[in-house]
Amino acid sequence: MAVVTPEQKIEKACLNAKEKLESLGIEDKIQAELEYVIGSYGYDKNPIGLYEIGGKAFKALESYKSEFPRKVSKKLLSDIEGALKLS
């Protein structure tokens, strides 16, 4: 079984957050920032942007969940938060 690095975890969490933001139709700016930092990470393997924008996405999704509890899963928030804590 392959070892998953903290960088891979935050990249996956950011991809999942971007997909969720898109499906909810919210936070276009954060979606664009996520797309940029995910692409940037693929090029230079520097995860700093993933952590920064991943934190913004986490806050946005957490806020949205407080208004619409069934629209954002606890697992998604837990996965993003866990990946952020690895930084």
N, C-alpha and C. Protein backbone atom coordinates (compact mmCIF):
# COMPACT_ATOMS: atom_id res chain seq x y z
N MET A 1 0.84 -1.18 0.00
CA MET A 1 0.00 0.00 0.00
C MET A 1 0.88 1.24 0.00
N ALA A 2 0.56 2.19 -0.85
CA ALA A 2 1.35 3.41 -0.98
C ALA A 2 1.13 4.33 0.21
N VAL A 3 2.19 4.99 0.61
CA VAL A 3 2.12 5.95 1.70
C VAL A 3 1.59 7.27 1.13
N VAL A 4 0.60 7.85 1.80
CA VAL A 4 0.03 9.11 1.36
C VAL A 4 0.70 10.23 2.15
N THR A 5 1.31 11.16 1.43
CA THR A 5 2.02 12.26 2.07
C THR A 5 1.04 13.36 2.47
N PRO A 6 1.44 14.23 3.41
CA PRO A 6 0.59 15.37 3.76
C PRO A 6 0.25 16.24 2.55
N GLU A 7 1.20 16.37 1.63
CA GLU A 7 0.97 17.18 0.44
C GLU A 7 -0.12 16.55 -0.45
N GLN A 8 -0.10 15.23 -0.56
CA GLN A 8 -1.13 14.54 -1.34
C GLN A 8 -2.50 14.68 -0.67
N LYS A 9 -2.51 14.65 0.67
CA LYS A 9 -3.77 14.79 1.39
C LYS A 9 -4.38 16.18 1.18
N ILE A 10 -3.56 17.23 1.25
CA ILE A 10 -4.10 18.58 1.09
C ILE A 10 -4.50 18.80 -0.37
N GLU A 11 -3.75 18.22 -1.31
CA GLU A 11 -4.13 18.35 -2.71
C GLU A 11 -5.50 17.70 -2.95
N LYS A 12 -5.71 16.51 -2.43
CA LYS A 12 -6.99 15.82 -2.59
C LYS A 12 -8.11 16.58 -1.88
N ALA A 13 -7.82 17.10 -0.69
CA ALA A 13 -8.83 17.87 0.05
C ALA A 13 -9.23 19.12 -0.73
N CYS A 14 -8.25 19.78 -1.34
CA CYS A 14 -8.55 20.98 -2.13
C CYS A 14 -9.36 20.64 -3.38
N LEU A 15 -9.03 19.54 -4.03
CA LEU A 15 -9.80 19.10 -5.19
C LEU A 15 -11.25 18.83 -4.79
N ASN A 16 -11.44 18.13 -3.66
CA ASN A 16 -12.79 17.83 -3.19
C ASN A 16 -13.55 19.10 -2.80
N ALA A 17 -12.85 20.04 -2.16
CA ALA A 17 -13.48 21.30 -1.77
C ALA A 17 -13.91 22.08 -3.01
N LYS A 18 -13.05 22.12 -4.01
CA LYS A 18 -13.37 22.82 -5.25
C LYS A 18 -14.60 22.21 -5.91
N GLU A 19 -14.64 20.89 -5.98
CA GLU A 19 -15.79 20.21 -6.57
C GLU A 19 -17.08 20.54 -5.81
N LYS A 20 -17.00 20.57 -4.49
CA LYS A 20 -18.18 20.85 -3.68
C LYS A 20 -18.64 22.29 -3.86
N LEU A 21 -17.70 23.23 -3.85
CA LEU A 21 -18.05 24.63 -4.07
C LEU A 21 -18.72 24.81 -5.43
N GLU A 22 -18.18 24.12 -6.44
CA GLU A 22 -18.77 24.19 -7.78
C GLU A 22 -20.18 23.64 -7.78
N SER A 23 -20.37 22.49 -7.13
CA SER A 23 -21.71 21.86 -7.15
C SER A 23 -22.73 22.70 -6.39
N LEU A 24 -22.27 23.43 -5.38
CA LEU A 24 -23.17 24.30 -4.62
C LEU A 24 -23.38 25.64 -5.32
N GLY A 25 -22.49 25.98 -6.26
CA GLY A 25 -22.59 27.24 -6.97
C GLY A 25 -22.25 28.45 -6.12
N ILE A 26 -21.29 28.27 -5.21
CA ILE A 26 -20.89 29.37 -4.31
C ILE A 26 -19.39 29.63 -4.41
N GLU A 27 -19.00 30.81 -3.94
CA GLU A 27 -17.59 31.18 -3.78
C GLU A 27 -16.77 31.00 -5.07
N ASP A 28 -17.19 31.69 -6.12
CA ASP A 28 -16.47 31.61 -7.40
C ASP A 28 -15.00 32.00 -7.27
N LYS A 29 -14.72 33.01 -6.44
CA LYS A 29 -13.34 33.47 -6.28
C LYS A 29 -12.48 32.37 -5.65
N ILE A 30 -13.00 31.71 -4.62
CA ILE A 30 -12.23 30.64 -3.98
C ILE A 30 -12.08 29.46 -4.94
N GLN A 31 -13.09 29.18 -5.73
CA GLN A 31 -12.98 28.12 -6.74
C GLN A 31 -11.83 28.41 -7.70
N ALA A 32 -11.76 29.64 -8.17
CA ALA A 32 -10.70 30.03 -9.10
C ALA A 32 -9.33 29.95 -8.43
N GLU A 33 -9.26 30.39 -7.18
CA GLU A 33 -7.99 30.32 -6.45
C GLU A 33 -7.56 28.87 -6.25
N LEU A 34 -8.52 28.01 -5.92
CA LEU A 34 -8.21 26.58 -5.75
C LEU A 34 -7.69 25.99 -7.06
N GLU A 35 -8.35 26.31 -8.14
CA GLU A 35 -7.92 25.80 -9.44
C GLU A 35 -6.49 26.23 -9.73
N TYR A 36 -6.18 27.48 -9.43
CA TYR A 36 -4.84 28.00 -9.68
C TYR A 36 -3.79 27.29 -8.80
N VAL A 37 -4.06 27.20 -7.49
CA VAL A 37 -3.04 26.61 -6.61
C VAL A 37 -2.88 25.11 -6.84
N ILE A 38 -3.95 24.44 -7.24
CA ILE A 38 -3.84 23.01 -7.55
C ILE A 38 -2.95 22.83 -8.78
N GLY A 39 -3.16 23.65 -9.79
CA GLY A 39 -2.32 23.61 -10.98
C GLY A 39 -0.89 23.98 -10.68
N SER A 40 -0.72 25.00 -9.85
CA SER A 40 0.61 25.45 -9.46
C SER A 40 1.36 24.36 -8.70
N TYR A 41 0.65 23.70 -7.80
CA TYR A 41 1.27 22.61 -7.04
C TYR A 41 1.71 21.48 -7.97
N GLY A 42 0.89 21.19 -8.97
CA GLY A 42 1.26 20.16 -9.94
C GLY A 42 2.55 20.49 -10.68
N TYR A 43 2.81 21.77 -10.83
CA TYR A 43 4.00 22.22 -11.54
C TYR A 43 5.23 22.29 -10.64
N ASP A 44 5.08 22.97 -9.48
CA ASP A 44 6.27 23.23 -8.66
C ASP A 44 6.36 22.40 -7.37
N LYS A 45 5.30 21.65 -7.04
CA LYS A 45 5.27 20.80 -5.85
C LYS A 45 5.45 21.58 -4.54
N ASN A 46 5.13 22.87 -4.56
CA ASN A 46 5.16 23.70 -3.35
C ASN A 46 3.71 23.82 -2.85
N PRO A 47 3.40 23.21 -1.69
CA PRO A 47 2.00 23.14 -1.25
C PRO A 47 1.49 24.35 -0.47
N ILE A 48 2.28 25.40 -0.31
CA ILE A 48 1.89 26.52 0.54
C ILE A 48 0.54 27.12 0.11
N GLY A 49 0.33 27.26 -1.18
CA GLY A 49 -0.93 27.82 -1.67
C GLY A 49 -2.11 26.91 -1.38
N LEU A 50 -1.88 25.59 -1.42
CA LEU A 50 -2.95 24.64 -1.11
C LEU A 50 -3.43 24.83 0.33
N TYR A 51 -2.49 25.03 1.23
CA TYR A 51 -2.85 25.22 2.64
C TYR A 51 -3.59 26.55 2.84
N GLU A 52 -3.10 27.59 2.20
CA GLU A 52 -3.71 28.91 2.35
C GLU A 52 -5.14 28.95 1.80
N ILE A 53 -5.30 28.53 0.56
CA ILE A 53 -6.62 28.59 -0.07
C ILE A 53 -7.52 27.46 0.44
N GLY A 54 -6.92 26.35 0.80
CA GLY A 54 -7.69 25.26 1.43
C GLY A 54 -8.34 25.73 2.72
N GLY A 55 -7.64 26.58 3.46
CA GLY A 55 -8.21 27.16 4.69
C GLY A 55 -9.40 28.05 4.39
N LYS A 56 -9.30 28.83 3.32
CA LYS A 56 -10.42 29.69 2.91
C LYS A 56 -11.63 28.83 2.52
N ALA A 57 -11.35 27.77 1.76
CA ALA A 57 -12.43 26.88 1.32
C ALA A 57 -13.09 26.21 2.51
N PHE A 58 -12.28 25.80 3.48
CA PHE A 58 -12.83 25.16 4.68
C PHE A 58 -13.78 26.11 5.39
N LYS A 59 -13.36 27.34 5.58
CA LYS A 59 -14.21 28.34 6.27
C LYS A 59 -15.50 28.59 5.50
N ALA A 60 -15.40 28.69 4.18
CA ALA A 60 -16.58 28.93 3.35
C ALA A 60 -17.56 27.76 3.45
N LEU A 61 -17.04 26.54 3.37
CA LEU A 61 -17.91 25.36 3.44
C LEU A 61 -18.50 25.19 4.84
N GLU A 62 -17.71 25.48 5.85
CA GLU A 62 -18.19 25.40 7.22
C GLU A 62 -19.33 26.40 7.44
N SER A 63 -19.17 27.60 6.94
CA SER A 63 -20.19 28.63 7.05
C SER A 63 -21.46 28.21 6.31
N TYR A 64 -21.28 27.68 5.10
CA TYR A 64 -22.43 27.23 4.31
C TYR A 64 -23.16 26.10 5.03
N LYS A 65 -22.41 25.20 5.64
CA LYS A 65 -23.01 24.07 6.37
C LYS A 65 -23.84 24.57 7.55
N SER A 66 -23.44 25.65 8.18
CA SER A 66 -24.21 26.17 9.31
C SER A 66 -25.59 26.65 8.86
N GLU A 67 -25.69 27.11 7.62
CA GLU A 67 -26.98 27.55 7.07
C GLU A 67 -27.77 26.40 6.45
N PHE A 68 -27.05 25.49 5.81
CA PHE A 68 -27.68 24.37 5.10
C PHE A 68 -26.98 23.08 5.52
N PRO A 69 -27.32 22.55 6.70
CA PRO A 69 -26.58 21.42 7.28
C PRO A 69 -26.47 20.18 6.40
N ARG A 70 -27.45 19.92 5.57
CA ARG A 70 -27.42 18.69 4.78
C ARG A 70 -26.68 18.82 3.45
N LYS A 71 -26.23 20.00 3.14
CA LYS A 71 -25.59 20.24 1.83
C LYS A 71 -24.09 19.94 1.83
N VAL A 72 -23.45 19.98 3.02
CA VAL A 72 -22.01 19.75 3.12
C VAL A 72 -21.78 18.64 4.15
N SER A 73 -21.08 17.59 3.75
CA SER A 73 -20.89 16.46 4.65
C SER A 73 -19.84 16.75 5.73
N LYS A 74 -20.06 16.12 6.87
CA LYS A 74 -19.08 16.23 7.96
C LYS A 74 -17.75 15.64 7.52
N LYS A 75 -17.81 14.57 6.73
CA LYS A 75 -16.58 13.91 6.28
C LYS A 75 -15.74 14.85 5.43
N LEU A 76 -16.37 15.58 4.53
CA LEU A 76 -15.62 16.52 3.70
C LEU A 76 -14.91 17.55 4.58
N LEU A 77 -15.66 18.14 5.50
CA LEU A 77 -15.04 19.14 6.39
C LEU A 77 -13.94 18.51 7.24
N SER A 78 -14.17 17.30 7.72
CA SER A 78 -13.18 16.60 8.53
C SER A 78 -11.92 16.31 7.72
N ASP A 79 -12.08 15.88 6.48
CA ASP A 79 -10.92 15.59 5.62
C ASP A 79 -10.12 16.86 5.33
N ILE A 80 -10.80 17.95 5.05
CA ILE A 80 -10.09 19.21 4.78
C ILE A 80 -9.38 19.68 6.03
N GLU A 81 -10.09 19.66 7.15
CA GLU A 81 -9.48 20.11 8.40
C GLU A 81 -8.28 19.25 8.77
N GLY A 82 -8.41 17.95 8.61
CA GLY A 82 -7.29 17.04 8.90
C GLY A 82 -6.09 17.32 8.03
N ALA A 83 -6.32 17.57 6.75
CA ALA A 83 -5.22 17.87 5.83
C ALA A 83 -4.55 19.20 6.18
N LEU A 84 -5.37 20.17 6.61
CA LEU A 84 -4.82 21.48 6.99
C LEU A 84 -3.94 21.37 8.24
N LYS A 85 -4.31 20.50 9.16
CA LYS A 85 -3.55 20.37 10.40
C LYS A 85 -2.20 19.70 10.19
N LEU A 86 -2.01 19.09 9.05
CA LEU A 86 -0.74 18.43 8.76
C LEU A 86 0.34 19.41 8.34
N SER A 87 -0.06 20.66 8.12
CA SER A 87 0.91 21.66 7.64
C SER A 87 1.89 22.05 8.71
